[in-house]
Amino acid sequence: MASPLDLVRLTPLMARGAGRPEVTVALIDGFVAVDHPSLTGQRIVVLRGAGRSEGGGECGRAGGGPSCWHGTFVAGVLSAGRSSVAPGICPGCTLLVRPVFAAELPGCRAARGARVEELAAAILESVEGGARVLNLSVAPERPSSVGHRELEGALDHAANRGVIVVVAAGNQGVLGTSAITRHPWTIPVIAYDRRGRPMNLSNLGGSIGARGVGGPGEGIVSLGVGDSPLTITGTSAATPFVAGTVALLMSEFPSAPATDVRLAVTRAGSSLRRTVVPPLLDAWAAYTTLLAAHRRRSAPAA
């Protein structure tokens, strides 16, 4: 079976570089153990509500609760040093941490619901903080049938600013969507197993299949809050593989429009996919698609 990175052909893209510091990825999740050895020296900025501060974190390596475990895990997939037990995808990029869960929240080591108003505020603040990519391995806490004007407005703002929003489809194994996965600008992510098959735990739906993509989601190893690595299965673990790919592509093609990067990653093209199951991410195919477009733009006029 292929490794998670090889499964989605991220290895050759990562070999081209670690990403550029001017490409900022916002992690909207729990707190992060920024003093973890595999994150030390990385470009990490923590947003606390409307306030901004460098480094820091309420997530001590001795504990911190499930929120810290989850946030640190996702941060590791994105930003851990390449010499880490689980090398980060884009450690050369800037990581903007915007916590939406209290550090002491009880619960399991999985994506949890966040207040809709807090998610909307986090998206707006991350965009204003200079993020080019948003990673949301989270879900609104309210039922999907409820209208979320604040959240939809925040996602509209991200779209208007060309900020790509990558979101977890959810792990309830149901046919249905949320205010986040329904939004036409987001990239919903489902989990694929190590054999390259969609996992039954992933939520599916029309918007997820039409505009989404799959990422490695079975037994993903990344940073734990303590000395031992953490293993998580699900769509929240798959999401940063897609967000990290977007960040590397933006680093390789800084002048590429966000719409081009988004289409290259989702492989949606110009036609609507009529399926509830999105295809597996192919990071190298996305790179070659953008490279061809770059060469066409750069070619001298006849």
Protein backbone atom coordinates (compact mmCIF):
# COMPACT_ATOMS: atom_id res chain seq x y z
CA MET A 1 0.00 0.00 0.00
CA ALA A 2 1.19 3.50 -0.80
CA SER A 3 2.15 5.99 1.89
CA PRO A 4 -0.33 8.87 2.36
CA LEU A 5 1.97 11.26 0.47
CA ASP A 6 2.54 8.83 -2.39
CA LEU A 7 -1.16 7.97 -2.56
CA VAL A 8 -1.93 11.51 -3.74
CA ARG A 9 1.39 12.05 -5.56
CA LEU A 10 2.51 14.76 -3.18
CA THR A 11 6.08 13.46 -2.87
CA PRO A 12 7.40 14.93 -6.17
CA LEU A 13 5.66 18.25 -5.49
CA MET A 14 7.19 18.45 -2.00
CA ALA A 15 10.59 17.70 -3.53
CA ARG A 16 10.35 20.98 -5.45
CA GLY A 17 10.29 23.02 -2.27
CA ALA A 18 8.77 23.58 1.16
CA GLY A 19 6.62 26.56 0.20
CA ARG A 20 7.08 30.32 0.40
CA PRO A 21 6.66 32.36 3.60
CA GLU A 22 4.40 34.85 1.78
CA VAL A 23 1.85 32.06 1.31
CA THR A 24 -0.05 31.98 4.60
CA VAL A 25 -2.21 29.00 5.55
CA ALA A 26 -4.80 29.68 8.25
CA LEU A 27 -5.54 26.78 10.57
CA ILE A 28 -9.02 27.29 12.01
CA ASP A 29 -9.09 24.57 14.64
CA GLY A 30 -7.93 24.06 18.23
CA PHE A 31 -4.86 25.50 19.90
CA VAL A 32 -1.45 24.31 18.74
CA ALA A 33 1.56 23.22 20.78
CA VAL A 34 3.83 25.73 19.05
CA ASP A 35 6.73 24.73 21.31
CA HIS A 36 6.75 21.20 19.89
CA PRO A 37 10.28 20.42 18.63
CA SER A 38 8.98 19.67 15.14
CA LEU A 39 7.35 23.12 14.98
CA THR A 40 10.15 25.09 16.59
CA GLY A 41 11.54 27.66 14.19
CA GLN A 42 8.56 27.50 11.86
CA ARG A 43 6.70 30.66 10.86
CA ILE A 44 3.66 30.46 13.13
CA VAL A 45 1.37 33.33 14.08
CA VAL A 46 -1.49 32.88 16.57
CA LEU A 47 -4.67 34.92 16.27
CA ARG A 48 -6.64 35.22 19.51
CA GLY A 49 -9.96 36.63 18.47
CA ALA A 50 -9.38 40.06 17.04
CA GLY A 51 -5.90 40.28 18.60
CA ARG A 52 -2.76 39.10 16.85
CA SER A 53 0.40 37.80 18.48
CA GLU A 54 3.50 35.91 17.45
CA GLY A 55 3.99 32.32 18.59
CA GLY A 56 2.60 31.55 22.01
CA GLY A 57 -0.16 29.15 22.79
CA GLU A 58 -2.39 27.91 25.58
CA CYS A 59 -1.53 24.36 24.52
CA GLY A 60 1.26 23.10 26.74
CA ARG A 61 3.06 19.95 25.62
CA ALA A 62 2.20 18.24 28.90
CA GLY A 63 -1.49 18.11 28.01
CA GLY A 64 -4.05 20.68 26.96
CA GLY A 65 -6.97 18.43 26.12
CA PRO A 66 -8.51 17.12 22.90
CA SER A 67 -8.66 20.55 21.29
CA CYS A 68 -4.88 20.85 21.53
CA TRP A 69 -4.35 17.31 20.28
CA HIS A 70 -6.45 17.96 17.20
CA GLY A 71 -5.00 21.39 16.41
CA THR A 72 -1.42 20.22 16.89
CA PHE A 73 -2.04 17.13 14.73
CA VAL A 74 -3.34 19.18 11.80
CA ALA A 75 -0.58 21.77 12.24
CA GLY A 76 1.94 18.94 12.00
CA VAL A 77 0.56 17.69 8.69
CA LEU A 78 0.95 21.19 7.31
CA SER A 79 4.02 22.63 8.99
CA ALA A 80 6.17 20.04 10.79
CA GLY A 81 9.81 20.11 9.76
CA ARG A 82 10.72 17.84 6.87
CA SER A 83 12.96 15.82 9.23
CA SER A 84 9.98 15.07 11.50
CA VAL A 85 8.59 11.55 11.96
CA ALA A 86 5.72 12.81 9.79
CA PRO A 87 7.17 15.49 7.47
CA GLY A 88 5.00 18.56 6.97
CA ILE A 89 3.71 19.36 3.50
CA CYS A 90 4.43 23.10 3.41
CA PRO A 91 6.70 24.00 6.37
CA GLY A 92 8.17 26.92 4.43
CA CYS A 93 4.79 28.65 4.36
CA THR A 94 3.47 30.78 7.21
CA LEU A 95 0.95 29.09 9.50
CA LEU A 96 -1.74 31.36 10.95
CA VAL A 97 -3.46 29.66 13.90
CA ARG A 98 -6.96 30.86 14.73
CA PRO A 99 -8.37 28.70 17.56
CA VAL A 100 -12.12 28.16 17.66
CA PHE A 101 -12.17 25.58 20.48
CA ALA A 102 -11.30 26.18 24.11
CA ALA A 103 -8.17 24.30 25.14
CA GLU A 104 -9.98 22.41 27.91
CA LEU A 105 -12.92 21.12 25.85
CA PRO A 106 -13.75 17.47 26.62
CA GLY A 107 -14.40 14.96 23.86
CA CYS A 108 -12.67 12.71 21.37
CA ARG A 109 -9.63 13.33 19.20
CA ALA A 110 -11.68 14.20 16.14
CA ALA A 111 -13.19 17.16 14.33
CA ARG A 112 -15.84 18.71 16.53
CA GLY A 113 -18.55 21.28 16.05
CA ALA A 114 -17.80 24.96 16.49
CA ARG A 115 -20.22 27.83 17.01
CA VAL A 116 -21.33 29.24 13.69
CA GLU A 117 -20.64 32.81 14.79
CA GLU A 118 -17.13 31.86 15.91
CA LEU A 119 -16.39 30.11 12.62
CA ALA A 120 -17.56 33.14 10.68
CA ALA A 121 -15.43 35.48 12.79
CA ALA A 122 -12.40 33.18 12.43
CA ILE A 123 -12.74 33.13 8.64
CA LEU A 124 -13.01 36.93 8.43
CA GLU A 125 -10.07 37.50 10.78
CA SER A 126 -7.90 34.95 8.94
CA VAL A 127 -8.61 36.59 5.59
CA GLU A 128 -7.82 40.02 7.02
CA GLY A 129 -4.69 38.51 8.59
CA GLY A 130 -3.33 37.74 5.14
CA ALA A 131 -4.26 34.08 4.71
CA ARG A 132 -4.22 32.70 1.16
CA VAL A 133 -5.55 29.27 2.17
CA LEU A 134 -7.94 28.29 4.98
CA ASN A 135 -7.90 24.80 6.52
CA LEU A 136 -11.15 23.98 8.33
CA SER A 137 -11.04 20.47 9.77
CA VAL A 138 -14.18 21.47 11.69
CA ALA A 139 -17.93 21.65 11.23
CA PRO A 140 -20.74 23.97 12.34
CA GLU A 141 -22.33 22.73 15.56
CA ARG A 142 -25.88 23.40 14.37
CA PRO A 143 -27.87 21.15 11.98
CA SER A 144 -27.21 21.66 8.30
CA SER A 145 -30.82 22.70 7.64
CA VAL A 146 -30.35 25.91 9.63
CA GLY A 147 -29.47 29.02 7.65
CA HIS A 148 -26.07 30.48 8.49
CA ARG A 149 -26.00 34.01 7.10
CA GLU A 150 -22.89 35.05 9.02
CA LEU A 151 -20.96 32.00 7.86
CA GLU A 152 -22.10 32.34 4.25
CA GLY A 153 -21.12 36.00 4.30
CA ALA A 154 -17.66 35.16 5.63
CA LEU A 155 -17.17 32.52 2.93
CA ASP A 156 -18.35 35.03 0.31
CA HIS A 157 -15.71 37.44 1.60
CA ALA A 158 -13.01 34.77 1.28
CA ALA A 159 -14.11 34.04 -2.28
CA ASN A 160 -14.07 37.74 -3.19
CA ARG A 161 -10.51 37.98 -1.87
CA GLY A 162 -9.36 34.86 -3.72
CA VAL A 163 -8.68 32.92 -0.51
CA ILE A 164 -9.11 29.18 -1.09
CA VAL A 165 -11.15 27.46 1.63
CA VAL A 166 -10.55 23.74 2.21
CA VAL A 167 -13.06 22.04 4.53
CA ALA A 168 -13.66 18.60 6.01
CA ALA A 169 -16.79 16.90 4.70
CA GLY A 170 -17.47 15.29 8.10
CA ASN A 171 -17.33 11.79 9.54
CA GLN A 172 -20.97 10.84 10.11
CA GLY A 173 -21.16 8.62 7.02
CA VAL A 174 -24.36 10.30 5.85
CA LEU A 175 -25.64 11.68 2.57
CA GLY A 176 -25.93 15.37 3.26
CA THR A 177 -24.12 18.68 3.35
CA SER A 178 -23.52 21.62 5.68
CA ALA A 179 -23.47 25.38 5.24
CA ILE A 180 -19.73 25.08 4.66
CA THR A 181 -19.65 22.18 2.18
CA ARG A 182 -22.60 23.63 0.23
CA HIS A 183 -20.90 26.96 -0.39
CA PRO A 184 -19.82 27.17 -4.06
CA TRP A 185 -16.31 28.39 -3.24
CA THR A 186 -15.21 25.78 -0.71
CA ILE A 187 -13.34 22.55 -1.47
CA PRO A 188 -14.97 19.78 0.61
CA VAL A 189 -12.63 16.89 1.44
CA ILE A 190 -13.59 13.26 2.05
CA ALA A 191 -11.29 10.53 3.39
CA TYR A 192 -9.76 7.78 1.24
CA ASP A 193 -8.16 4.65 2.66
CA ARG A 194 -4.62 3.45 1.97
CA ARG A 195 -5.81 1.42 -1.02
CA GLY A 196 -7.24 4.53 -2.66
CA ARG A 197 -10.89 3.79 -1.88
CA PRO A 198 -13.42 6.24 -0.40
CA MET A 199 -14.03 5.53 3.29
CA ASN A 200 -17.56 4.80 4.46
CA LEU A 201 -17.26 7.26 7.35
CA SER A 202 -17.12 10.27 5.00
CA ASN A 203 -20.19 12.41 4.48
CA LEU A 204 -21.16 12.58 0.81
CA GLY A 205 -23.47 14.81 -1.22
CA GLY A 206 -24.03 16.59 -4.48
CA SER A 207 -21.87 19.62 -3.71
CA ILE A 208 -19.18 17.43 -2.16
CA GLY A 209 -19.00 15.21 -5.22
CA ALA A 210 -19.19 18.07 -7.72
CA ARG A 211 -16.58 20.41 -6.20
CA GLY A 212 -14.71 18.32 -3.66
CA VAL A 213 -11.73 16.02 -3.59
CA GLY A 214 -10.51 13.09 -1.54
CA GLY A 215 -7.43 13.00 0.67
CA PRO A 216 -5.57 10.35 2.68
CA GLY A 217 -7.65 9.69 5.78
CA GLU A 218 -6.81 6.24 7.13
CA GLY A 219 -4.41 5.98 10.05
CA ILE A 220 -2.66 9.30 9.42
CA VAL A 221 0.33 9.89 11.70
CA SER A 222 1.29 13.41 12.77
CA LEU A 223 2.36 15.36 15.83
CA GLY A 224 0.94 14.71 19.26
CA VAL A 225 0.95 17.24 22.07
CA GLY A 226 3.51 15.16 23.97
CA ASP A 227 6.52 13.22 22.78
CA SER A 228 4.57 10.47 21.03
CA PRO A 229 3.03 10.91 17.57
CA LEU A 230 -0.75 10.80 17.18
CA THR A 231 -2.74 8.74 14.69
CA ILE A 232 -6.12 9.97 13.43
CA THR A 233 -8.55 8.61 10.85
CA GLY A 234 -11.19 10.72 9.12
CA THR A 235 -11.90 13.72 6.96
CA SER A 236 -10.23 16.14 9.38
CA ALA A 237 -6.96 14.29 8.82
CA ALA A 238 -7.48 14.30 5.03
CA THR A 239 -8.19 18.04 4.79
CA PRO A 240 -4.64 19.39 5.44
CA PHE A 241 -3.25 17.21 2.63
CA VAL A 242 -5.41 19.23 0.24
CA ALA A 243 -4.74 22.58 1.92
CA GLY A 244 -1.01 21.87 1.94
CA THR A 245 -1.11 21.00 -1.76
CA VAL A 246 -2.86 24.31 -2.50
CA ALA A 247 -0.18 26.18 -0.54
CA LEU A 248 2.66 24.48 -2.43
CA LEU A 249 0.99 25.20 -5.76
CA MET A 250 0.55 28.86 -4.83
CA SER A 251 4.23 28.92 -3.92
CA GLU A 252 5.23 27.41 -7.27
CA PHE A 253 2.89 29.64 -9.28
CA PRO A 254 2.52 32.92 -7.36
CA SER A 255 0.78 34.65 -10.26
CA ALA A 256 -1.78 31.91 -10.89
CA PRO A 257 -5.38 33.00 -10.20
CA ALA A 258 -7.00 31.31 -7.22
CA THR A 259 -9.73 29.95 -9.50
CA ASP A 260 -7.11 28.17 -11.62
CA VAL A 261 -5.46 26.62 -8.56
CA ARG A 262 -8.81 25.50 -7.20
CA LEU A 263 -9.85 23.87 -10.48
CA ALA A 264 -6.47 22.17 -10.88
CA VAL A 265 -6.74 20.64 -7.41
CA THR A 266 -10.36 19.51 -7.66
CA ARG A 267 -10.05 18.36 -11.28
CA ALA A 268 -13.52 19.78 -11.81
CA GLY A 269 -12.74 21.40 -15.15
CA SER A 270 -15.56 23.31 -16.78
CA SER A 271 -18.23 20.60 -16.42
CA LEU A 272 -20.20 19.69 -13.32
CA ARG A 273 -19.49 16.22 -11.93
CA ARG A 274 -22.74 14.39 -11.30
CA THR A 275 -21.59 12.19 -8.44
CA VAL A 276 -21.66 12.32 -4.66
CA VAL A 277 -18.11 10.90 -4.40
CA PRO A 278 -15.27 13.26 -5.38
CA PRO A 279 -12.04 11.94 -6.95
CA LEU A 280 -8.84 11.37 -5.02
CA LEU A 281 -6.41 14.28 -4.95
CA ASP A 282 -3.60 14.09 -7.52
CA ALA A 283 -1.13 16.77 -6.46
CA TRP A 284 1.32 16.17 -9.30
CA ALA A 285 -1.42 16.32 -11.94
CA ALA A 286 -2.51 19.67 -10.45
CA TYR A 287 1.08 20.89 -10.73
CA THR A 288 1.42 19.85 -14.37
CA THR A 289 -1.94 21.48 -15.18
CA LEU A 290 -0.81 24.80 -13.71
CA LEU A 291 2.63 24.49 -15.32
CA ALA A 292 1.03 24.10 -18.76
CA ALA A 293 -1.20 27.12 -18.11
CA HIS A 294 1.82 29.15 -16.95
CA ARG A 295 3.73 28.29 -20.11
CA ARG A 296 0.80 29.30 -22.28
CA ARG A 297 0.55 32.67 -20.51
CA SER A 298 4.31 33.20 -20.80
CA ALA A 299 4.59 32.25 -24.47
CA PRO A 300 5.31 35.22 -26.78
CA ALA A 301 2.46 36.29 -29.00
CA ALA A 302 2.66 34.97 -32.55
